[in-house]
Amino acid sequence: MAEMIKIVSQNKKAYHEYFVDEKFEVGLELTGTEVKSLRKGAINLKDSFCRIDDGELLVFGMHISPYEQGNIFNRDPYRTRKLLMHKKEIMRLFGQVGQKGYALVPLSVYFKGKWAKMEIGLCRGKKLYDKRDADAERSAKREMERAFKEQNR
């Protein structure tokens, strides 16, 4: 039975800045008001990153706006949040991130059923010429589609 997936936010900048080699689904450890704010879509992943400290996977720089009716229960919007993943997988990621040029980057946040999940990617940084090639390829594809559309009218 397929579970309902509702995407809350995507990090499009990550796909522009990095090559994504592998993707992982992890759980988010959140408070009640953060979940309510997340359901409203008040999240920003643009400058966030993940790091492994003392065997725990943490996300830094993820902004979840305070919930309006949350009063004293609201937390700091930029606080460090723990990500939930099996210890064996975290240790494997720790070994790969130690290699030159690899980083853990949040790609998207979504609800799978009632659980808040995050998709993180094991990424390599793009050089400037790689970004230019990707932009040129995307614009050429767009032009081909436009020309094809004009031809079929």
N, C-alpha and C. Protein backbone atom coordinates (compact mmCIF):
# COMPACT_ATOMS: atom_id res chain seq x y z
N MET A 1 0.84 -1.18 0.00
CA MET A 1 0.00 0.00 0.00
C MET A 1 0.88 1.24 0.00
N ALA A 2 0.75 2.08 -1.00
CA ALA A 2 1.58 3.27 -1.14
C ALA A 2 1.16 4.32 -0.11
N GLU A 3 2.16 4.95 0.51
CA GLU A 3 1.89 5.99 1.48
C GLU A 3 1.79 7.33 0.79
N MET A 4 0.99 8.21 1.35
CA MET A 4 0.80 9.54 0.80
C MET A 4 2.04 10.39 1.07
N ILE A 5 2.61 10.98 0.02
CA ILE A 5 3.78 11.83 0.16
C ILE A 5 3.40 13.24 -0.24
N LYS A 6 3.63 14.20 0.68
CA LYS A 6 3.36 15.60 0.41
C LYS A 6 4.68 16.37 0.55
N ILE A 7 5.18 16.88 -0.57
CA ILE A 7 6.44 17.62 -0.55
C ILE A 7 6.20 19.01 0.02
N VAL A 8 7.01 19.38 1.02
CA VAL A 8 6.87 20.67 1.68
C VAL A 8 7.83 21.68 1.06
N SER A 9 9.09 21.27 0.85
CA SER A 9 10.10 22.19 0.32
C SER A 9 11.18 21.41 -0.41
N GLN A 10 11.74 22.04 -1.46
CA GLN A 10 12.84 21.44 -2.20
C GLN A 10 13.99 22.43 -2.28
N ASN A 11 15.20 21.92 -2.28
CA ASN A 11 16.40 22.74 -2.35
C ASN A 11 16.92 22.71 -3.78
N LYS A 12 16.41 23.60 -4.63
CA LYS A 12 16.81 23.62 -6.04
C LYS A 12 18.24 24.10 -6.20
N LYS A 13 18.70 24.92 -5.26
CA LYS A 13 20.07 25.43 -5.32
C LYS A 13 21.09 24.30 -5.20
N ALA A 14 20.74 23.26 -4.45
CA ALA A 14 21.65 22.12 -4.26
C ALA A 14 21.94 21.43 -5.59
N TYR A 15 20.92 21.29 -6.44
CA TYR A 15 21.12 20.63 -7.74
C TYR A 15 21.96 21.50 -8.67
N HIS A 16 21.94 22.82 -8.45
CA HIS A 16 22.76 23.71 -9.27
C HIS A 16 24.22 23.71 -8.80
N GLU A 17 24.43 23.61 -7.49
CA GLU A 17 25.77 23.71 -6.92
C GLU A 17 26.51 22.38 -6.83
N TYR A 18 25.79 21.25 -6.84
CA TYR A 18 26.41 19.95 -6.58
C TYR A 18 25.96 18.88 -7.58
N PHE A 19 26.82 17.86 -7.74
CA PHE A 19 26.42 16.61 -8.38
C PHE A 19 25.93 15.70 -7.25
N VAL A 20 24.73 15.17 -7.36
CA VAL A 20 24.17 14.30 -6.32
C VAL A 20 24.50 12.85 -6.69
N ASP A 21 25.37 12.22 -5.89
CA ASP A 21 25.77 10.84 -6.15
C ASP A 21 24.80 9.83 -5.56
N GLU A 22 24.36 10.05 -4.32
CA GLU A 22 23.43 9.14 -3.65
C GLU A 22 22.40 9.95 -2.88
N LYS A 23 21.20 9.38 -2.72
CA LYS A 23 20.15 10.02 -1.94
C LYS A 23 19.74 9.10 -0.80
N PHE A 24 19.43 9.71 0.36
CA PHE A 24 19.02 8.96 1.54
C PHE A 24 17.79 9.61 2.15
N GLU A 25 16.88 8.78 2.68
CA GLU A 25 15.71 9.27 3.38
C GLU A 25 15.98 9.17 4.88
N VAL A 26 15.83 10.30 5.57
CA VAL A 26 16.05 10.33 7.02
C VAL A 26 14.85 10.97 7.69
N GLY A 27 14.67 10.65 8.95
CA GLY A 27 13.60 11.26 9.74
C GLY A 27 14.09 12.55 10.37
N LEU A 28 13.15 13.42 10.73
CA LEU A 28 13.47 14.69 11.39
C LEU A 28 12.97 14.65 12.83
N GLU A 29 13.81 15.11 13.74
CA GLU A 29 13.40 15.22 15.14
C GLU A 29 12.94 16.66 15.37
N LEU A 30 11.61 16.86 15.47
CA LEU A 30 11.04 18.19 15.57
C LEU A 30 10.15 18.32 16.79
N THR A 31 9.88 19.57 17.18
CA THR A 31 8.91 19.82 18.26
C THR A 31 7.53 20.01 17.63
N GLY A 32 6.50 20.08 18.45
CA GLY A 32 5.13 20.18 17.96
C GLY A 32 4.86 21.42 17.13
N THR A 33 5.34 22.58 17.59
CA THR A 33 5.08 23.82 16.84
C THR A 33 5.86 23.84 15.53
N GLU A 34 7.01 23.18 15.50
CA GLU A 34 7.79 23.10 14.25
C GLU A 34 7.04 22.25 13.21
N VAL A 35 6.39 21.19 13.66
CA VAL A 35 5.63 20.34 12.75
C VAL A 35 4.44 21.12 12.19
N LYS A 36 3.76 21.88 13.04
CA LYS A 36 2.63 22.68 12.57
C LYS A 36 3.09 23.72 11.55
N SER A 37 4.20 24.35 11.81
CA SER A 37 4.76 25.34 10.89
C SER A 37 5.19 24.67 9.58
N LEU A 38 5.73 23.47 9.68
CA LEU A 38 6.16 22.71 8.51
C LEU A 38 4.96 22.34 7.64
N ARG A 39 3.83 22.00 8.26
CA ARG A 39 2.62 21.68 7.50
C ARG A 39 2.10 22.88 6.71
N LYS A 40 2.41 24.09 7.19
CA LYS A 40 2.03 25.30 6.46
C LYS A 40 3.04 25.64 5.37
N GLY A 41 4.18 24.94 5.32
CA GLY A 41 5.19 25.17 4.29
C GLY A 41 6.17 26.28 4.63
N ALA A 42 6.29 26.64 5.89
CA ALA A 42 7.15 27.74 6.31
C ALA A 42 8.56 27.23 6.62
N ILE A 43 9.29 26.82 5.57
CA ILE A 43 10.63 26.26 5.74
C ILE A 43 11.51 26.75 4.61
N ASN A 44 12.81 26.92 4.92
CA ASN A 44 13.78 27.33 3.92
C ASN A 44 15.01 26.44 4.05
N LEU A 45 15.37 25.74 2.96
CA LEU A 45 16.51 24.82 2.95
C LEU A 45 17.72 25.40 2.22
N LYS A 46 17.61 26.62 1.71
CA LYS A 46 18.58 27.15 0.76
C LYS A 46 20.03 27.07 1.23
N ASP A 47 20.34 27.51 2.43
CA ASP A 47 21.73 27.53 2.90
C ASP A 47 22.01 26.47 3.96
N SER A 48 21.23 25.41 3.98
CA SER A 48 21.40 24.39 5.01
C SER A 48 22.40 23.31 4.57
N PHE A 49 22.97 22.64 5.55
CA PHE A 49 23.91 21.55 5.30
C PHE A 49 23.85 20.57 6.46
N CYS A 50 24.35 19.36 6.22
CA CYS A 50 24.35 18.31 7.25
C CYS A 50 25.79 17.99 7.65
N ARG A 51 25.95 17.57 8.88
CA ARG A 51 27.26 17.19 9.38
C ARG A 51 27.09 16.07 10.40
N ILE A 52 28.11 15.25 10.52
CA ILE A 52 28.09 14.15 11.49
C ILE A 52 29.00 14.54 12.66
N ASP A 53 28.39 14.69 13.85
CA ASP A 53 29.13 15.03 15.08
C ASP A 53 28.84 13.96 16.13
N ASP A 54 29.89 13.35 16.67
CA ASP A 54 29.77 12.34 17.72
C ASP A 54 28.81 11.23 17.35
N GLY A 55 28.84 10.78 16.10
CA GLY A 55 28.01 9.67 15.66
C GLY A 55 26.55 10.04 15.42
N GLU A 56 26.22 11.34 15.46
CA GLU A 56 24.86 11.79 15.21
C GLU A 56 24.83 12.63 13.94
N LEU A 57 23.79 12.50 13.16
CA LEU A 57 23.61 13.26 11.94
C LEU A 57 22.79 14.50 12.28
N LEU A 58 23.34 15.69 12.02
CA LEU A 58 22.70 16.95 12.37
C LEU A 58 22.54 17.82 11.13
N VAL A 59 21.48 18.64 11.11
CA VAL A 59 21.27 19.59 10.02
C VAL A 59 21.41 21.00 10.60
N PHE A 60 22.20 21.83 9.91
CA PHE A 60 22.47 23.20 10.32
C PHE A 60 21.90 24.16 9.28
N GLY A 61 21.44 25.31 9.74
CA GLY A 61 21.02 26.37 8.83
C GLY A 61 19.65 26.19 8.21
N MET A 62 18.89 25.20 8.63
CA MET A 62 17.53 25.00 8.12
C MET A 62 16.60 25.92 8.91
N HIS A 63 15.87 26.78 8.21
CA HIS A 63 14.99 27.75 8.86
C HIS A 63 13.54 27.27 8.82
N ILE A 64 12.97 27.05 9.99
CA ILE A 64 11.54 26.77 10.10
C ILE A 64 10.94 27.95 10.85
N SER A 65 10.07 28.70 10.19
CA SER A 65 9.47 29.90 10.78
C SER A 65 8.68 29.55 12.03
N PRO A 66 8.68 30.45 13.03
CA PRO A 66 7.89 30.19 14.25
C PRO A 66 6.40 30.11 13.94
N TYR A 67 5.71 29.23 14.62
CA TYR A 67 4.26 29.06 14.46
C TYR A 67 3.56 30.23 15.15
N GLU A 68 2.59 30.87 14.47
CA GLU A 68 1.94 32.08 15.00
C GLU A 68 1.26 31.84 16.35
N GLN A 69 0.58 30.72 16.51
CA GLN A 69 -0.13 30.45 17.75
C GLN A 69 0.73 29.67 18.75
N GLY A 70 2.03 29.60 18.52
CA GLY A 70 2.89 28.77 19.35
C GLY A 70 3.34 29.38 20.64
N ASN A 71 3.26 30.69 20.82
CA ASN A 71 3.70 31.48 21.98
C ASN A 71 5.00 30.96 22.61
N ILE A 72 4.96 30.47 23.86
CA ILE A 72 6.18 30.08 24.56
C ILE A 72 6.79 28.77 24.05
N PHE A 73 6.03 28.01 23.26
CA PHE A 73 6.52 26.72 22.81
C PHE A 73 7.36 26.81 21.54
N ASN A 74 7.43 27.99 20.92
CA ASN A 74 8.24 28.15 19.72
C ASN A 74 9.72 28.06 20.06
N ARG A 75 10.47 27.45 19.16
CA ARG A 75 11.91 27.32 19.32
C ARG A 75 12.62 28.26 18.38
N ASP A 76 13.95 28.35 18.49
CA ASP A 76 14.76 29.17 17.59
C ASP A 76 14.61 28.64 16.17
N PRO A 77 14.30 29.50 15.20
CA PRO A 77 14.08 29.02 13.82
C PRO A 77 15.31 28.37 13.19
N TYR A 78 16.51 28.76 13.61
CA TYR A 78 17.74 28.24 13.01
C TYR A 78 18.43 27.19 13.88
N ARG A 79 17.74 26.65 14.88
CA ARG A 79 18.41 25.70 15.78
C ARG A 79 18.89 24.45 15.03
N THR A 80 19.90 23.82 15.57
CA THR A 80 20.42 22.58 15.00
C THR A 80 19.44 21.46 15.31
N ARG A 81 19.08 20.69 14.26
CA ARG A 81 18.11 19.62 14.44
C ARG A 81 18.77 18.27 14.16
N LYS A 82 18.36 17.28 14.92
CA LYS A 82 18.90 15.93 14.77
C LYS A 82 18.14 15.20 13.67
N LEU A 83 18.87 14.47 12.85
CA LEU A 83 18.28 13.63 11.81
C LEU A 83 18.35 12.18 12.26
N LEU A 84 17.32 11.42 11.95
CA LEU A 84 17.20 10.04 12.42
C LEU A 84 17.57 9.07 11.31
N MET A 85 18.62 8.29 11.57
CA MET A 85 19.13 7.34 10.59
C MET A 85 19.81 6.21 11.36
N HIS A 86 19.87 5.02 10.78
CA HIS A 86 20.54 3.90 11.44
C HIS A 86 22.03 4.19 11.61
N LYS A 87 22.57 3.74 12.73
CA LYS A 87 23.97 4.00 13.09
C LYS A 87 24.93 3.47 12.02
N LYS A 88 24.63 2.29 11.46
CA LYS A 88 25.48 1.69 10.44
C LYS A 88 25.55 2.59 9.20
N GLU A 89 24.39 3.15 8.80
CA GLU A 89 24.36 4.04 7.64
C GLU A 89 25.11 5.34 7.92
N ILE A 90 24.98 5.86 9.15
CA ILE A 90 25.69 7.09 9.52
C ILE A 90 27.20 6.86 9.45
N MET A 91 27.67 5.72 9.92
CA MET A 91 29.11 5.44 9.88
C MET A 91 29.61 5.29 8.45
N ARG A 92 28.79 4.69 7.58
CA ARG A 92 29.16 4.57 6.17
C ARG A 92 29.26 5.95 5.52
N LEU A 93 28.29 6.82 5.84
CA LEU A 93 28.32 8.18 5.32
C LEU A 93 29.52 8.96 5.85
N PHE A 94 29.86 8.73 7.12
CA PHE A 94 31.00 9.42 7.72
C PHE A 94 32.28 9.08 6.97
N GLY A 95 32.43 7.83 6.58
CA GLY A 95 33.61 7.43 5.80
C GLY A 95 33.63 8.07 4.42
N GLN A 96 32.47 8.20 3.79
CA GLN A 96 32.42 8.78 2.45
C GLN A 96 32.58 10.30 2.47
N VAL A 97 32.05 10.96 3.51
CA VAL A 97 32.18 12.41 3.61
C VAL A 97 33.64 12.78 3.89
N GLY A 98 34.39 11.88 4.51
CA GLY A 98 35.80 12.13 4.76
C GLY A 98 36.61 12.22 3.48
N GLN A 99 36.11 11.67 2.39
CA GLN A 99 36.81 11.75 1.11
C GLN A 99 36.77 13.18 0.60
N LYS A 100 37.69 13.49 -0.28
CA LYS A 100 37.83 14.85 -0.81
C LYS A 100 36.61 15.25 -1.65
N GLY A 101 36.04 16.41 -1.32
CA GLY A 101 34.99 16.99 -2.14
C GLY A 101 33.58 16.53 -1.89
N TYR A 102 33.33 15.68 -0.91
CA TYR A 102 31.97 15.21 -0.64
C TYR A 102 31.34 16.02 0.48
N ALA A 103 30.02 16.23 0.37
CA ALA A 103 29.25 16.94 1.38
C ALA A 103 27.87 16.31 1.49
N LEU A 104 27.24 16.49 2.64
CA LEU A 104 25.86 16.05 2.84
C LEU A 104 24.97 17.28 2.77
N VAL A 105 24.04 17.26 1.80
CA VAL A 105 23.20 18.43 1.55
C VAL A 105 21.73 18.02 1.59
N PRO A 106 20.89 18.77 2.33
CA PRO A 106 19.44 18.50 2.32
C PRO A 106 18.86 18.83 0.94
N LEU A 107 18.09 17.90 0.37
CA LEU A 107 17.51 18.09 -0.95
C LEU A 107 16.03 18.45 -0.88
N SER A 108 15.29 17.82 0.03
CA SER A 108 13.88 18.13 0.16
C SER A 108 13.36 17.70 1.53
N VAL A 109 12.23 18.30 1.92
CA VAL A 109 11.52 17.94 3.14
C VAL A 109 10.10 17.60 2.73
N TYR A 110 9.57 16.51 3.26
CA TYR A 110 8.23 16.07 2.88
C TYR A 110 7.61 15.28 4.02
N PHE A 111 6.30 15.11 3.92
CA PHE A 111 5.57 14.26 4.87
C PHE A 111 5.27 12.94 4.19
N LYS A 112 5.64 11.86 4.82
CA LYS A 112 5.33 10.51 4.34
C LYS A 112 4.36 9.92 5.35
N GLY A 113 3.09 9.93 4.96
CA GLY A 113 2.06 9.57 5.94
C GLY A 113 1.98 10.70 6.94
N LYS A 114 2.19 10.39 8.22
CA LYS A 114 2.18 11.44 9.24
C LYS A 114 3.59 11.86 9.68
N TRP A 115 4.62 11.23 9.13
CA TRP A 115 5.99 11.47 9.56
C TRP A 115 6.69 12.50 8.67
N ALA A 116 7.42 13.41 9.30
CA ALA A 116 8.22 14.39 8.56
C ALA A 116 9.55 13.73 8.18
N LYS A 117 9.86 13.75 6.90
CA LYS A 117 11.09 13.13 6.40
C LYS A 117 11.91 14.15 5.63
N MET A 118 13.20 13.88 5.51
CA MET A 118 14.09 14.72 4.73
C MET A 118 14.90 13.83 3.80
N GLU A 119 15.09 14.29 2.58
CA GLU A 119 15.95 13.58 1.65
C GLU A 119 17.28 14.33 1.61
N ILE A 120 18.35 13.61 1.99
CA ILE A 120 19.67 14.23 1.93
C ILE A 120 20.47 13.55 0.81
N GLY A 121 21.41 14.28 0.28
CA GLY A 121 22.21 13.76 -0.80
C GLY A 121 23.69 13.78 -0.47
N LEU A 122 24.39 12.75 -0.89
CA LEU A 122 25.84 12.71 -0.82
C LEU A 122 26.32 13.36 -2.10
N CYS A 123 26.92 14.55 -2.00
CA CYS A 123 27.15 15.40 -3.17
C CYS A 123 28.62 15.77 -3.33
N ARG A 124 28.98 15.98 -4.60
CA ARG A 124 30.28 16.53 -4.97
C ARG A 124 30.05 17.92 -5.54
N GLY A 125 30.90 18.86 -5.21
CA GLY A 125 30.74 20.23 -5.69
C GLY A 125 31.02 20.34 -7.18
N LYS A 126 30.25 21.20 -7.84
CA LYS A 126 30.46 21.46 -9.28
C LYS A 126 31.46 22.60 -9.44
N LYS A 127 32.22 22.52 -10.49
CA LYS A 127 33.10 23.62 -10.88
C LYS A 127 32.27 24.60 -11.70
N LEU A 128 32.82 25.78 -11.97
CA LEU A 128 32.11 26.81 -12.72
C LEU A 128 31.76 26.33 -14.13
N TYR A 129 32.71 25.62 -14.76
CA TYR A 129 32.45 25.15 -16.12
C TYR A 129 31.36 24.07 -16.16
N ASP A 130 31.24 23.28 -15.07
CA ASP A 130 30.16 22.30 -14.99
C ASP A 130 28.80 22.98 -14.93
N LYS A 131 28.73 24.08 -14.15
CA LYS A 131 27.48 24.83 -14.04
C LYS A 131 27.10 25.44 -15.37
N ARG A 132 28.10 25.97 -16.09
CA ARG A 132 27.84 26.56 -17.41
C ARG A 132 27.35 25.50 -18.39
N ASP A 133 27.97 24.33 -18.37
CA ASP A 133 27.53 23.23 -19.25
C ASP A 133 26.09 22.83 -18.96
N ALA A 134 25.74 22.74 -17.69
CA ALA A 134 24.38 22.36 -17.30
C ALA A 134 23.38 23.42 -17.75
N ASP A 135 23.75 24.70 -17.61
CA ASP A 135 22.86 25.78 -18.06
C ASP A 135 22.68 25.75 -19.56
N ALA A 136 23.77 25.53 -20.30
CA ALA A 136 23.71 25.48 -21.76
C ALA A 136 22.85 24.30 -22.21
N GLU A 137 23.02 23.16 -21.57
CA GLU A 137 22.24 21.97 -21.90
C GLU A 137 20.75 22.19 -21.65
N ARG A 138 20.44 22.83 -20.51
CA ARG A 138 19.05 23.11 -20.16
C ARG A 138 18.41 24.08 -21.15
N SER A 139 19.15 25.13 -21.55
CA SER A 139 18.59 26.09 -22.49
C SER A 139 18.44 25.49 -23.89
N ALA A 140 19.38 24.62 -24.30
CA ALA A 140 19.27 23.95 -25.60
C ALA A 140 18.05 23.03 -25.62
N LYS A 141 17.81 22.33 -24.53
CA LYS A 141 16.65 21.44 -24.43
C LYS A 141 15.35 22.26 -24.50
N ARG A 142 15.34 23.40 -23.83
CA ARG A 142 14.18 24.27 -23.85
C ARG A 142 13.90 24.80 -25.26
N GLU A 143 14.97 25.18 -25.98
CA GLU A 143 14.83 25.67 -27.37
C GLU A 143 14.31 24.57 -28.29
N MET A 144 14.80 23.34 -28.12
CA MET A 144 14.34 22.21 -28.94
C MET A 144 12.85 21.96 -28.69
N GLU A 145 12.43 21.99 -27.44
CA GLU A 145 11.02 21.79 -27.12
C GLU A 145 10.16 22.89 -27.72
N ARG A 146 10.64 24.13 -27.65
CA ARG A 146 9.92 25.26 -28.23
C ARG A 146 9.77 25.11 -29.73
N ALA A 147 10.87 24.72 -30.41
CA ALA A 147 10.85 24.54 -31.86
C ALA A 147 9.92 23.38 -32.25
N PHE A 148 9.95 22.30 -31.48
CA PHE A 148 9.09 21.15 -31.73
C PHE A 148 7.62 21.53 -31.58
N LYS A 149 7.33 22.36 -30.56
CA LYS A 149 5.97 22.81 -30.31
C LYS A 149 5.48 23.69 -31.47
N GLU A 150 6.36 24.58 -31.95
CA GLU A 150 6.02 25.44 -33.09
C GLU A 150 5.77 24.62 -34.35
N GLN A 151 6.56 23.57 -34.56
CA GLN A 151 6.46 22.73 -35.75
C GLN A 151 5.14 21.94 -35.78
N ASN A 152 4.67 21.56 -34.60
CA ASN A 152 3.46 20.73 -34.51
C ASN A 152 2.15 21.52 -34.49
N ARG A 153 2.23 22.81 -34.62
CA ARG A 153 0.99 23.63 -34.63
C ARG A 153 0.29 23.58 -35.92
